[in-house]
N, C-alpha and C. Protein backbone atom coordinates (compact mmCIF):
# COMPACT_ATOMS: atom_id res chain seq x y z
N MET A 1 2.95 2.95 4.14
CA MET A 1 2.53 4.06 4.96
C MET A 1 2.60 3.72 6.45
N ILE A 2 2.10 2.54 6.81
CA ILE A 2 2.03 2.23 8.24
C ILE A 2 3.38 1.87 8.83
N GLU A 3 4.36 1.58 7.99
CA GLU A 3 5.69 1.28 8.52
C GLU A 3 6.31 2.50 9.18
N ARG A 4 5.77 3.68 8.91
CA ARG A 4 6.31 4.90 9.49
C ARG A 4 5.65 5.26 10.81
N ARG A 5 4.81 4.37 11.36
CA ARG A 5 4.20 4.65 12.65
C ARG A 5 5.28 4.61 13.74
N VAL A 6 4.98 5.17 14.89
CA VAL A 6 5.93 5.18 16.00
C VAL A 6 6.32 3.75 16.34
N GLY A 7 7.60 3.49 16.40
CA GLY A 7 8.10 2.15 16.69
C GLY A 7 8.41 1.35 15.44
N GLY A 8 8.00 1.84 14.26
CA GLY A 8 8.27 1.14 13.02
C GLY A 8 7.41 -0.09 12.84
N GLU A 9 7.78 -0.91 11.89
CA GLU A 9 7.03 -2.14 11.62
C GLU A 9 7.41 -3.19 12.66
N THR A 10 6.38 -3.88 13.17
CA THR A 10 6.60 -4.87 14.22
C THR A 10 6.36 -6.30 13.76
N GLY A 11 5.95 -6.48 12.52
CA GLY A 11 5.68 -7.81 12.00
C GLY A 11 4.19 -8.08 11.91
N VAL A 12 3.85 -9.20 11.29
CA VAL A 12 2.46 -9.57 11.04
C VAL A 12 2.15 -10.89 11.74
N LYS A 13 1.08 -10.87 12.52
CA LYS A 13 0.66 -12.02 13.32
C LYS A 13 -0.26 -12.97 12.54
N SER A 14 -1.16 -12.38 11.71
CA SER A 14 -2.08 -13.22 10.94
C SER A 14 -2.58 -12.46 9.72
N VAL A 15 -3.03 -13.23 8.73
CA VAL A 15 -3.58 -12.68 7.49
C VAL A 15 -4.78 -13.52 7.09
N GLN A 16 -5.81 -12.86 6.59
CA GLN A 16 -6.96 -13.58 6.06
C GLN A 16 -7.44 -12.87 4.80
N CYS A 17 -7.75 -13.64 3.78
CA CYS A 17 -8.32 -13.12 2.54
C CYS A 17 -9.80 -13.48 2.51
N LEU A 18 -10.64 -12.47 2.25
CA LEU A 18 -12.07 -12.71 2.08
C LEU A 18 -12.48 -12.18 0.71
N GLU A 19 -13.52 -12.78 0.13
CA GLU A 19 -14.00 -12.36 -1.18
C GLU A 19 -15.52 -12.32 -1.21
N GLY A 20 -16.04 -11.60 -2.20
CA GLY A 20 -17.49 -11.54 -2.43
C GLY A 20 -18.23 -10.91 -1.27
N ASP A 21 -19.40 -11.44 -0.98
CA ASP A 21 -20.24 -10.89 0.09
C ASP A 21 -19.59 -10.98 1.46
N ASP A 22 -18.63 -11.89 1.63
CA ASP A 22 -17.92 -11.97 2.91
C ASP A 22 -17.15 -10.69 3.21
N VAL A 23 -16.77 -9.94 2.18
CA VAL A 23 -16.09 -8.65 2.38
C VAL A 23 -17.02 -7.70 3.12
N TRP A 24 -18.26 -7.61 2.65
CA TRP A 24 -19.20 -6.66 3.27
C TRP A 24 -19.64 -7.13 4.65
N ARG A 25 -19.74 -8.44 4.84
CA ARG A 25 -20.06 -8.96 6.17
C ARG A 25 -18.92 -8.62 7.15
N ALA A 26 -17.67 -8.73 6.69
CA ALA A 26 -16.53 -8.39 7.55
C ALA A 26 -16.54 -6.91 7.89
N ARG A 27 -16.87 -6.08 6.90
CA ARG A 27 -16.96 -4.64 7.17
C ARG A 27 -18.04 -4.36 8.20
N ASP A 28 -19.21 -4.94 8.00
CA ASP A 28 -20.33 -4.70 8.91
C ASP A 28 -20.06 -5.23 10.31
N ALA A 29 -19.20 -6.24 10.42
CA ALA A 29 -18.83 -6.79 11.73
C ALA A 29 -17.66 -6.03 12.36
N GLY A 30 -17.16 -5.00 11.67
CA GLY A 30 -16.07 -4.19 12.22
C GLY A 30 -14.69 -4.78 12.03
N GLN A 31 -14.55 -5.75 11.14
CA GLN A 31 -13.23 -6.34 10.91
C GLN A 31 -12.32 -5.42 10.10
N PHE A 32 -12.90 -4.49 9.37
CA PHE A 32 -12.16 -3.37 8.80
C PHE A 32 -13.08 -2.16 8.81
N SER A 33 -12.51 -0.99 8.74
CA SER A 33 -13.26 0.25 8.96
C SER A 33 -13.98 0.73 7.71
N ALA A 34 -15.29 0.83 7.80
CA ALA A 34 -16.08 1.40 6.71
C ALA A 34 -15.71 2.86 6.48
N ASP A 35 -15.47 3.61 7.58
CA ASP A 35 -15.11 5.03 7.46
C ASP A 35 -13.81 5.21 6.68
N LEU A 36 -12.81 4.39 7.00
CA LEU A 36 -11.53 4.51 6.31
C LEU A 36 -11.64 4.07 4.85
N ALA A 37 -12.41 3.03 4.60
CA ALA A 37 -12.60 2.58 3.21
C ALA A 37 -13.26 3.67 2.38
N GLU A 38 -14.31 4.29 2.92
CA GLU A 38 -15.01 5.37 2.20
C GLU A 38 -14.08 6.56 1.97
N ALA A 39 -13.30 6.92 2.99
CA ALA A 39 -12.39 8.06 2.86
C ALA A 39 -11.33 7.81 1.81
N ALA A 40 -10.77 6.60 1.80
CA ALA A 40 -9.76 6.26 0.79
C ALA A 40 -10.37 6.33 -0.60
N CYS A 41 -11.54 5.71 -0.78
CA CYS A 41 -12.19 5.71 -2.10
C CYS A 41 -12.51 7.13 -2.57
N ALA A 42 -12.88 8.00 -1.66
CA ALA A 42 -13.25 9.37 -2.03
C ALA A 42 -12.09 10.15 -2.64
N THR A 43 -10.85 9.74 -2.38
CA THR A 43 -9.70 10.47 -2.92
C THR A 43 -9.39 10.10 -4.37
N VAL A 44 -9.97 9.01 -4.85
CA VAL A 44 -9.61 8.51 -6.18
C VAL A 44 -10.49 9.18 -7.24
N GLY A 45 -9.84 9.95 -8.10
CA GLY A 45 -10.56 10.69 -9.13
C GLY A 45 -11.14 9.83 -10.23
N THR A 46 -10.64 8.61 -10.39
CA THR A 46 -11.10 7.74 -11.48
C THR A 46 -12.10 6.69 -11.01
N ARG A 47 -12.59 6.78 -9.78
CA ARG A 47 -13.53 5.76 -9.31
C ARG A 47 -14.85 5.90 -10.08
N LYS A 48 -15.53 4.77 -10.19
CA LYS A 48 -16.81 4.78 -10.88
C LYS A 48 -17.88 5.38 -9.99
N GLU A 49 -18.91 5.89 -10.61
CA GLU A 49 -20.07 6.38 -9.86
C GLU A 49 -20.75 5.22 -9.14
N GLY A 50 -21.42 5.52 -8.08
CA GLY A 50 -22.14 4.49 -7.35
C GLY A 50 -21.45 4.12 -6.06
N ASP A 51 -21.82 2.97 -5.55
CA ASP A 51 -21.30 2.50 -4.27
C ASP A 51 -20.23 1.44 -4.47
N MET A 52 -19.32 1.36 -3.51
CA MET A 52 -18.26 0.35 -3.61
C MET A 52 -18.84 -1.07 -3.63
N GLU A 53 -20.00 -1.25 -3.02
CA GLU A 53 -20.62 -2.57 -2.99
C GLU A 53 -21.00 -3.06 -4.39
N ASP A 54 -21.05 -2.15 -5.36
CA ASP A 54 -21.41 -2.51 -6.73
C ASP A 54 -20.23 -3.03 -7.54
N CYS A 55 -19.05 -3.15 -6.92
CA CYS A 55 -17.87 -3.59 -7.67
C CYS A 55 -18.04 -5.05 -8.10
N GLU A 56 -17.23 -5.45 -9.08
CA GLU A 56 -17.39 -6.76 -9.69
C GLU A 56 -16.95 -7.91 -8.79
N LYS A 57 -15.75 -7.81 -8.21
CA LYS A 57 -15.21 -8.91 -7.41
C LYS A 57 -14.49 -8.34 -6.19
N PRO A 58 -15.22 -7.99 -5.14
CA PRO A 58 -14.53 -7.43 -3.98
C PRO A 58 -13.69 -8.47 -3.26
N ALA A 59 -12.57 -8.00 -2.72
CA ALA A 59 -11.71 -8.85 -1.89
C ALA A 59 -11.05 -7.96 -0.85
N VAL A 60 -10.71 -8.54 0.27
CA VAL A 60 -10.01 -7.80 1.32
C VAL A 60 -8.99 -8.73 1.98
N PHE A 61 -7.84 -8.17 2.29
CA PHE A 61 -6.85 -8.85 3.13
C PHE A 61 -6.96 -8.22 4.51
N LEU A 62 -7.26 -9.01 5.50
CA LEU A 62 -7.32 -8.55 6.89
C LEU A 62 -5.99 -8.92 7.54
N ILE A 63 -5.28 -7.91 8.05
CA ILE A 63 -3.93 -8.10 8.55
C ILE A 63 -3.87 -7.68 10.01
N GLU A 64 -3.36 -8.58 10.85
CA GLU A 64 -3.16 -8.26 12.27
C GLU A 64 -1.66 -8.21 12.52
N HIS A 65 -1.19 -7.05 12.97
CA HIS A 65 0.23 -6.86 13.25
C HIS A 65 0.53 -7.27 14.69
N THR A 66 1.78 -7.58 14.97
CA THR A 66 2.14 -8.08 16.30
C THR A 66 1.97 -7.03 17.39
N ASP A 67 1.97 -5.74 17.03
CA ASP A 67 1.76 -4.70 18.04
C ASP A 67 0.29 -4.38 18.26
N GLY A 68 -0.62 -5.15 17.64
CA GLY A 68 -2.05 -4.94 17.83
C GLY A 68 -2.71 -4.13 16.72
N LEU A 69 -1.93 -3.46 15.89
CA LEU A 69 -2.50 -2.71 14.78
C LEU A 69 -3.21 -3.68 13.84
N ARG A 70 -4.39 -3.28 13.41
CA ARG A 70 -5.11 -4.03 12.38
C ARG A 70 -5.15 -3.16 11.13
N SER A 71 -4.74 -3.74 10.02
CA SER A 71 -4.80 -3.02 8.75
C SER A 71 -5.49 -3.92 7.74
N SER A 72 -5.85 -3.33 6.63
CA SER A 72 -6.51 -4.11 5.58
C SER A 72 -6.17 -3.54 4.22
N ALA A 73 -6.22 -4.41 3.23
CA ALA A 73 -6.07 -4.00 1.83
C ALA A 73 -7.35 -4.44 1.13
N LEU A 74 -8.09 -3.46 0.64
CA LEU A 74 -9.39 -3.69 0.02
C LEU A 74 -9.26 -3.54 -1.49
N MET A 75 -9.64 -4.57 -2.22
CA MET A 75 -9.59 -4.54 -3.68
C MET A 75 -11.01 -4.46 -4.21
N LEU A 76 -11.27 -3.44 -5.01
CA LEU A 76 -12.62 -3.20 -5.52
C LEU A 76 -12.61 -3.17 -7.04
N ASN A 77 -12.39 -4.31 -7.63
CA ASN A 77 -12.27 -4.44 -9.08
C ASN A 77 -13.51 -3.89 -9.78
N GLY A 78 -13.30 -2.96 -10.71
CA GLY A 78 -14.39 -2.36 -11.45
C GLY A 78 -14.91 -1.08 -10.83
N TYR A 79 -14.62 -0.85 -9.57
CA TYR A 79 -15.01 0.41 -8.91
C TYR A 79 -13.81 1.33 -8.81
N LEU A 80 -12.68 0.79 -8.41
CA LEU A 80 -11.42 1.54 -8.34
C LEU A 80 -10.38 0.81 -9.16
N ASN A 81 -9.59 1.57 -9.89
CA ASN A 81 -8.46 0.99 -10.61
C ASN A 81 -7.15 1.60 -10.14
N ASP A 82 -7.21 2.55 -9.24
CA ASP A 82 -6.03 3.15 -8.65
C ASP A 82 -6.00 2.78 -7.17
N TRP A 83 -4.93 3.17 -6.50
CA TRP A 83 -4.73 2.83 -5.09
C TRP A 83 -4.98 4.05 -4.22
N ALA A 84 -5.41 3.80 -3.00
CA ALA A 84 -5.62 4.89 -2.05
C ALA A 84 -5.29 4.37 -0.65
N TYR A 85 -5.20 5.29 0.28
CA TYR A 85 -4.84 4.95 1.66
C TYR A 85 -5.61 5.86 2.60
N ALA A 86 -6.02 5.32 3.72
CA ALA A 86 -6.64 6.14 4.76
C ALA A 86 -6.26 5.57 6.12
N ALA A 87 -6.14 6.48 7.09
CA ALA A 87 -5.80 6.09 8.46
C ALA A 87 -6.36 7.13 9.42
N ARG A 88 -6.44 6.73 10.67
CA ARG A 88 -6.78 7.69 11.72
C ARG A 88 -5.47 8.21 12.31
N VAL A 89 -5.31 9.51 12.29
CA VAL A 89 -4.12 10.15 12.85
C VAL A 89 -4.61 11.18 13.87
N ASP A 90 -4.23 10.97 15.13
CA ASP A 90 -4.70 11.85 16.21
C ASP A 90 -6.23 11.98 16.21
N GLY A 91 -6.91 10.86 15.95
CA GLY A 91 -8.36 10.83 16.01
C GLY A 91 -9.06 11.32 14.75
N ARG A 92 -8.31 11.80 13.76
CA ARG A 92 -8.91 12.31 12.53
C ARG A 92 -8.54 11.40 11.35
N ILE A 93 -9.45 11.28 10.41
CA ILE A 93 -9.18 10.47 9.23
C ILE A 93 -8.37 11.29 8.23
N GLN A 94 -7.28 10.71 7.77
CA GLN A 94 -6.48 11.30 6.69
C GLN A 94 -6.43 10.29 5.57
N ALA A 95 -6.61 10.75 4.33
CA ALA A 95 -6.64 9.84 3.18
C ALA A 95 -5.91 10.47 2.01
N THR A 96 -5.39 9.62 1.14
CA THR A 96 -4.70 10.08 -0.06
C THR A 96 -4.82 9.05 -1.16
N GLU A 97 -4.68 9.51 -2.39
CA GLU A 97 -4.68 8.64 -3.55
C GLU A 97 -3.25 8.40 -4.00
N PHE A 98 -2.98 7.20 -4.49
CA PHE A 98 -1.71 6.90 -5.15
C PHE A 98 -2.02 6.79 -6.63
N TYR A 99 -1.69 7.81 -7.38
CA TYR A 99 -2.05 7.84 -8.79
C TYR A 99 -1.12 6.95 -9.60
N LEU A 100 -1.69 5.98 -10.29
CA LEU A 100 -0.94 5.08 -11.16
C LEU A 100 -1.23 5.49 -12.59
N GLN A 101 -0.22 5.90 -13.31
CA GLN A 101 -0.42 6.39 -14.67
C GLN A 101 -0.90 5.26 -15.57
N PRO A 102 -2.16 5.29 -16.00
CA PRO A 102 -2.70 4.20 -16.80
C PRO A 102 -2.42 4.32 -18.29
N ASP A 103 -1.81 5.40 -18.72
CA ASP A 103 -1.75 5.72 -20.14
C ASP A 103 -0.37 5.53 -20.76
N GLY A 104 0.38 4.55 -20.34
CA GLY A 104 1.68 4.31 -20.96
C GLY A 104 2.80 4.34 -19.96
N PRO A 105 4.03 4.61 -20.45
CA PRO A 105 5.18 4.59 -19.54
C PRO A 105 4.98 5.60 -18.41
N GLY A 106 5.17 5.13 -17.21
CA GLY A 106 4.92 5.98 -16.06
C GLY A 106 6.17 6.58 -15.47
N ALA A 107 6.03 7.80 -14.97
CA ALA A 107 7.15 8.48 -14.32
C ALA A 107 7.60 7.71 -13.08
N SER A 108 6.71 6.89 -12.51
CA SER A 108 7.10 6.14 -11.31
C SER A 108 8.30 5.24 -11.59
N PHE A 109 8.40 4.70 -12.80
CA PHE A 109 9.54 3.85 -13.13
C PHE A 109 10.81 4.68 -13.25
N GLY A 110 10.69 5.91 -13.72
CA GLY A 110 11.85 6.79 -13.76
C GLY A 110 12.36 7.09 -12.37
N TYR A 111 11.45 7.28 -11.44
CA TYR A 111 11.85 7.54 -10.05
C TYR A 111 12.39 6.28 -9.39
N LEU A 112 11.84 5.14 -9.75
CA LEU A 112 12.41 3.88 -9.27
C LEU A 112 13.86 3.79 -9.72
N GLY A 113 14.09 4.13 -10.99
CA GLY A 113 15.46 4.15 -11.51
C GLY A 113 16.36 5.12 -10.76
N ARG A 114 15.83 6.29 -10.42
CA ARG A 114 16.61 7.27 -9.65
C ARG A 114 16.99 6.72 -8.28
N ASN A 115 16.05 6.04 -7.64
CA ASN A 115 16.33 5.49 -6.32
C ASN A 115 17.35 4.35 -6.40
N ILE A 116 17.27 3.56 -7.45
CA ILE A 116 18.28 2.51 -7.66
C ILE A 116 19.64 3.15 -7.89
N GLN A 117 19.66 4.21 -8.68
CA GLN A 117 20.93 4.91 -8.95
C GLN A 117 21.53 5.45 -7.65
N ARG A 118 20.70 6.05 -6.82
CA ARG A 118 21.19 6.58 -5.53
C ARG A 118 21.74 5.43 -4.68
N PHE A 119 21.06 4.28 -4.70
CA PHE A 119 21.52 3.12 -3.94
C PHE A 119 22.91 2.70 -4.42
N PHE A 120 23.11 2.62 -5.73
CA PHE A 120 24.42 2.24 -6.26
C PHE A 120 25.49 3.27 -5.89
N GLN A 121 25.12 4.55 -5.89
CA GLN A 121 26.10 5.59 -5.62
C GLN A 121 26.45 5.73 -4.15
N THR A 122 25.47 5.48 -3.28
CA THR A 122 25.70 5.71 -1.85
C THR A 122 25.86 4.43 -1.05
N GLY A 123 25.37 3.30 -1.58
CA GLY A 123 25.39 2.05 -0.83
C GLY A 123 24.30 1.97 0.22
N VAL A 124 23.39 2.95 0.24
CA VAL A 124 22.29 2.97 1.21
C VAL A 124 21.00 2.63 0.47
N ALA A 125 20.37 1.52 0.86
CA ALA A 125 19.13 1.09 0.21
C ALA A 125 18.02 2.09 0.50
N PRO A 126 17.18 2.42 -0.50
CA PRO A 126 16.10 3.37 -0.26
C PRO A 126 15.02 2.81 0.67
N TYR A 127 14.90 1.50 0.71
CA TYR A 127 13.92 0.85 1.59
C TYR A 127 14.63 -0.29 2.32
N ALA A 128 14.16 -0.59 3.50
CA ALA A 128 14.73 -1.70 4.26
C ALA A 128 14.46 -3.01 3.51
N PRO A 129 15.48 -3.86 3.33
CA PRO A 129 15.24 -5.16 2.67
C PRO A 129 14.17 -5.98 3.40
N ALA A 130 14.03 -5.79 4.69
CA ALA A 130 13.01 -6.52 5.46
C ALA A 130 11.61 -6.18 4.96
N ARG A 131 11.45 -4.99 4.39
CA ARG A 131 10.15 -4.58 3.86
C ARG A 131 9.70 -5.53 2.74
N THR A 132 10.61 -5.85 1.84
CA THR A 132 10.29 -6.75 0.74
C THR A 132 9.97 -8.14 1.27
N LEU A 133 10.73 -8.61 2.24
CA LEU A 133 10.48 -9.92 2.84
C LEU A 133 9.11 -9.96 3.49
N LEU A 134 8.77 -8.91 4.24
CA LEU A 134 7.48 -8.86 4.94
C LEU A 134 6.32 -8.79 3.95
N THR A 135 6.39 -7.90 2.97
CA THR A 135 5.27 -7.74 2.05
C THR A 135 5.08 -8.97 1.16
N THR A 136 6.17 -9.58 0.75
CA THR A 136 6.07 -10.80 -0.06
C THR A 136 5.47 -11.93 0.77
N GLY A 137 5.90 -12.07 2.02
CA GLY A 137 5.33 -13.09 2.91
C GLY A 137 3.87 -12.84 3.20
N LEU A 138 3.49 -11.58 3.33
CA LEU A 138 2.10 -11.22 3.59
C LEU A 138 1.21 -11.62 2.41
N ILE A 139 1.66 -11.34 1.20
CA ILE A 139 0.88 -11.73 0.02
C ILE A 139 0.80 -13.25 -0.10
N ASP A 140 1.89 -13.93 0.19
CA ASP A 140 1.88 -15.40 0.17
C ASP A 140 0.85 -15.94 1.15
N ALA A 141 0.82 -15.40 2.36
CA ALA A 141 -0.15 -15.85 3.37
C ALA A 141 -1.58 -15.55 2.91
N ALA A 142 -1.80 -14.40 2.30
CA ALA A 142 -3.14 -14.05 1.81
C ALA A 142 -3.59 -15.01 0.71
N MET A 143 -2.67 -15.38 -0.17
CA MET A 143 -3.03 -16.31 -1.25
C MET A 143 -3.26 -17.72 -0.70
N ASN A 144 -2.52 -18.11 0.33
CA ASN A 144 -2.79 -19.40 0.99
C ASN A 144 -4.16 -19.37 1.66
N SER A 145 -4.50 -18.25 2.29
CA SER A 145 -5.81 -18.11 2.91
C SER A 145 -6.91 -18.26 1.86
N ARG A 146 -6.73 -17.62 0.74
CA ARG A 146 -7.71 -17.70 -0.35
C ARG A 146 -7.86 -19.14 -0.83
N TYR A 147 -6.75 -19.79 -1.06
CA TYR A 147 -6.76 -21.16 -1.57
C TYR A 147 -7.36 -22.14 -0.56
N GLU A 148 -7.15 -21.87 0.73
CA GLU A 148 -7.59 -22.77 1.80
C GLU A 148 -8.92 -22.31 2.40
N ASP A 149 -9.86 -21.99 1.52
CA ASP A 149 -11.23 -21.63 1.91
C ASP A 149 -11.29 -20.39 2.80
N HIS A 150 -10.40 -19.45 2.56
CA HIS A 150 -10.41 -18.14 3.21
C HIS A 150 -10.18 -18.20 4.72
N ARG A 151 -9.43 -19.17 5.15
CA ARG A 151 -9.15 -19.29 6.59
C ARG A 151 -8.16 -18.22 7.04
N ARG A 152 -8.17 -17.93 8.31
CA ARG A 152 -7.20 -17.00 8.92
C ARG A 152 -5.89 -17.76 9.08
N VAL A 153 -4.82 -17.21 8.52
CA VAL A 153 -3.51 -17.87 8.54
C VAL A 153 -2.63 -17.21 9.60
N GLN A 154 -2.20 -17.97 10.58
CA GLN A 154 -1.24 -17.48 11.57
C GLN A 154 0.12 -17.39 10.88
N THR A 155 0.86 -16.31 11.12
CA THR A 155 2.11 -16.07 10.39
C THR A 155 3.29 -15.78 11.32
N PRO A 156 3.70 -16.75 12.15
CA PRO A 156 4.83 -16.49 13.05
C PRO A 156 6.13 -16.19 12.29
N TRP A 157 6.25 -16.68 11.05
CA TRP A 157 7.45 -16.41 10.25
C TRP A 157 7.51 -14.95 9.76
N LEU A 158 6.42 -14.20 9.95
CA LEU A 158 6.41 -12.79 9.57
C LEU A 158 6.63 -11.87 10.76
N ASN A 159 7.25 -12.39 11.80
CA ASN A 159 7.63 -11.57 12.96
C ASN A 159 8.89 -10.78 12.58
N ILE A 160 8.73 -9.92 11.59
CA ILE A 160 9.83 -9.17 10.99
C ILE A 160 9.70 -7.70 11.40
N THR A 161 10.71 -7.20 12.06
CA THR A 161 10.67 -5.80 12.50
C THR A 161 11.69 -4.98 11.72
N TYR A 162 11.36 -3.73 11.51
CA TYR A 162 12.30 -2.80 10.88
C TYR A 162 11.74 -1.39 11.03
N THR A 163 12.60 -0.42 10.83
CA THR A 163 12.16 0.97 10.80
C THR A 163 12.22 1.45 9.36
N SER A 164 11.36 2.38 9.05
CA SER A 164 11.26 2.91 7.70
C SER A 164 12.49 3.74 7.36
N TYR A 165 12.58 4.14 6.13
CA TYR A 165 13.70 4.94 5.64
C TYR A 165 13.84 6.24 6.42
N GLU A 166 15.07 6.68 6.55
CA GLU A 166 15.33 7.96 7.21
C GLU A 166 15.19 9.11 6.22
N LYS A 167 15.65 8.90 5.00
CA LYS A 167 15.54 9.92 3.96
C LYS A 167 14.48 9.46 2.97
N MET A 168 13.52 10.32 2.71
CA MET A 168 12.44 10.00 1.78
C MET A 168 13.00 9.68 0.40
N PRO A 169 12.61 8.54 -0.19
CA PRO A 169 13.04 8.23 -1.56
C PRO A 169 12.51 9.29 -2.53
N GLU A 170 13.16 9.40 -3.68
CA GLU A 170 12.71 10.35 -4.69
C GLU A 170 11.37 9.89 -5.25
N ARG A 171 10.45 10.84 -5.35
CA ARG A 171 9.11 10.56 -5.86
C ARG A 171 8.63 11.74 -6.69
N PRO A 172 7.69 11.50 -7.61
CA PRO A 172 7.11 12.63 -8.34
C PRO A 172 6.45 13.58 -7.35
N ARG A 173 6.52 14.85 -7.63
CA ARG A 173 5.98 15.85 -6.71
C ARG A 173 4.63 16.41 -7.16
N GLY A 174 4.27 16.21 -8.42
CA GLY A 174 3.01 16.75 -8.92
C GLY A 174 1.82 15.89 -8.55
N ASP A 175 0.63 16.47 -8.65
CA ASP A 175 -0.59 15.72 -8.36
C ASP A 175 -0.84 14.61 -9.36
N ARG A 176 -0.54 14.88 -10.62
CA ARG A 176 -0.79 13.93 -11.69
C ARG A 176 0.41 13.86 -12.62
N PRO A 177 1.43 13.04 -12.29
CA PRO A 177 2.59 12.92 -13.18
C PRO A 177 2.13 12.44 -14.55
N ALA A 178 2.82 12.89 -15.61
CA ALA A 178 2.44 12.52 -16.96
C ALA A 178 3.67 12.06 -17.73
N GLY A 179 3.51 11.01 -18.53
CA GLY A 179 4.58 10.54 -19.37
C GLY A 179 5.72 9.94 -18.57
N ALA A 180 6.80 9.63 -19.30
CA ALA A 180 7.96 9.00 -18.66
C ALA A 180 9.02 10.01 -18.30
N CYS A 181 8.80 11.28 -18.59
CA CYS A 181 9.82 12.29 -18.33
C CYS A 181 9.96 12.55 -16.83
N LEU A 182 11.12 13.06 -16.45
CA LEU A 182 11.41 13.33 -15.05
C LEU A 182 11.80 14.78 -14.87
N ASP A 183 11.64 15.28 -13.71
CA ASP A 183 12.05 16.63 -13.35
C ASP A 183 13.55 16.62 -13.12
N ARG A 184 14.32 17.24 -14.00
CA ARG A 184 15.78 17.25 -13.86
C ARG A 184 16.24 18.11 -12.69
N ASP A 185 15.35 18.90 -12.13
CA ASP A 185 15.73 19.75 -11.00
C ASP A 185 15.42 19.12 -9.65
N CYS A 186 15.16 17.81 -9.65
CA CYS A 186 14.88 17.12 -8.41
C CYS A 186 16.09 17.28 -7.48
N PRO A 187 15.90 17.75 -6.25
CA PRO A 187 17.04 18.07 -5.37
C PRO A 187 17.76 16.83 -4.86
N ASP A 188 19.02 17.04 -4.46
CA ASP A 188 19.81 16.03 -3.78
C ASP A 188 19.99 14.74 -4.57
N LEU A 189 20.12 14.84 -5.86
CA LEU A 189 20.29 13.63 -6.64
C LEU A 189 21.59 13.73 -7.43
N LEU A 190 22.33 12.67 -7.44
CA LEU A 190 23.61 12.63 -8.13
C LEU A 190 23.41 12.07 -9.53
N LEU A 191 23.16 12.93 -10.50
CA LEU A 191 22.90 12.48 -11.85
C LEU A 191 24.06 12.79 -12.76
N PRO A 192 24.30 11.95 -13.77
CA PRO A 192 25.46 12.15 -14.65
C PRO A 192 25.44 13.47 -15.39
N TRP A 193 24.27 14.03 -15.69
CA TRP A 193 24.23 15.25 -16.49
C TRP A 193 24.39 16.52 -15.65
N ARG A 194 24.59 16.38 -14.35
CA ARG A 194 24.76 17.56 -13.49
C ARG A 194 26.17 18.04 -13.53
């Protein structure tokens, strides 16, 4: 989501992984936004009742980008099992859920296949290869932080810049995709049965 900000992705300067009560101390110290965390959680229809602080094993990745943006990935095992996102846009909080089909083969894999097919047909990658390099390096740095007593890891090797895709990849359009079936009427797709 944040790669689509003005100027695109600018790279990651540092990463830190925190766990347990240190997550809530970081929130209370303003290292990540309580408002954004609450807004993201509120979009998830499958979240458990109660407070996020009641989750089993909280963890957060604190990420500092080279352009000054601070982002975080908050894991709330036992409270949330789906993904969500929140950001401030023009001073207002916007949030959304990323629904992961928990009940078997997911339509997301069908759409992944569609995007791979488009890549083979057009030669244009649906996502910048630098995105995979950056996200993989970010997770590596977070795991090193965790292993090394949760220290803040400087990441000069993640000074990776790129701009997001120009054409939106194919994605399910419904609120709650079901099963592995796909919408055959998805526009602008070169499929063999057309």
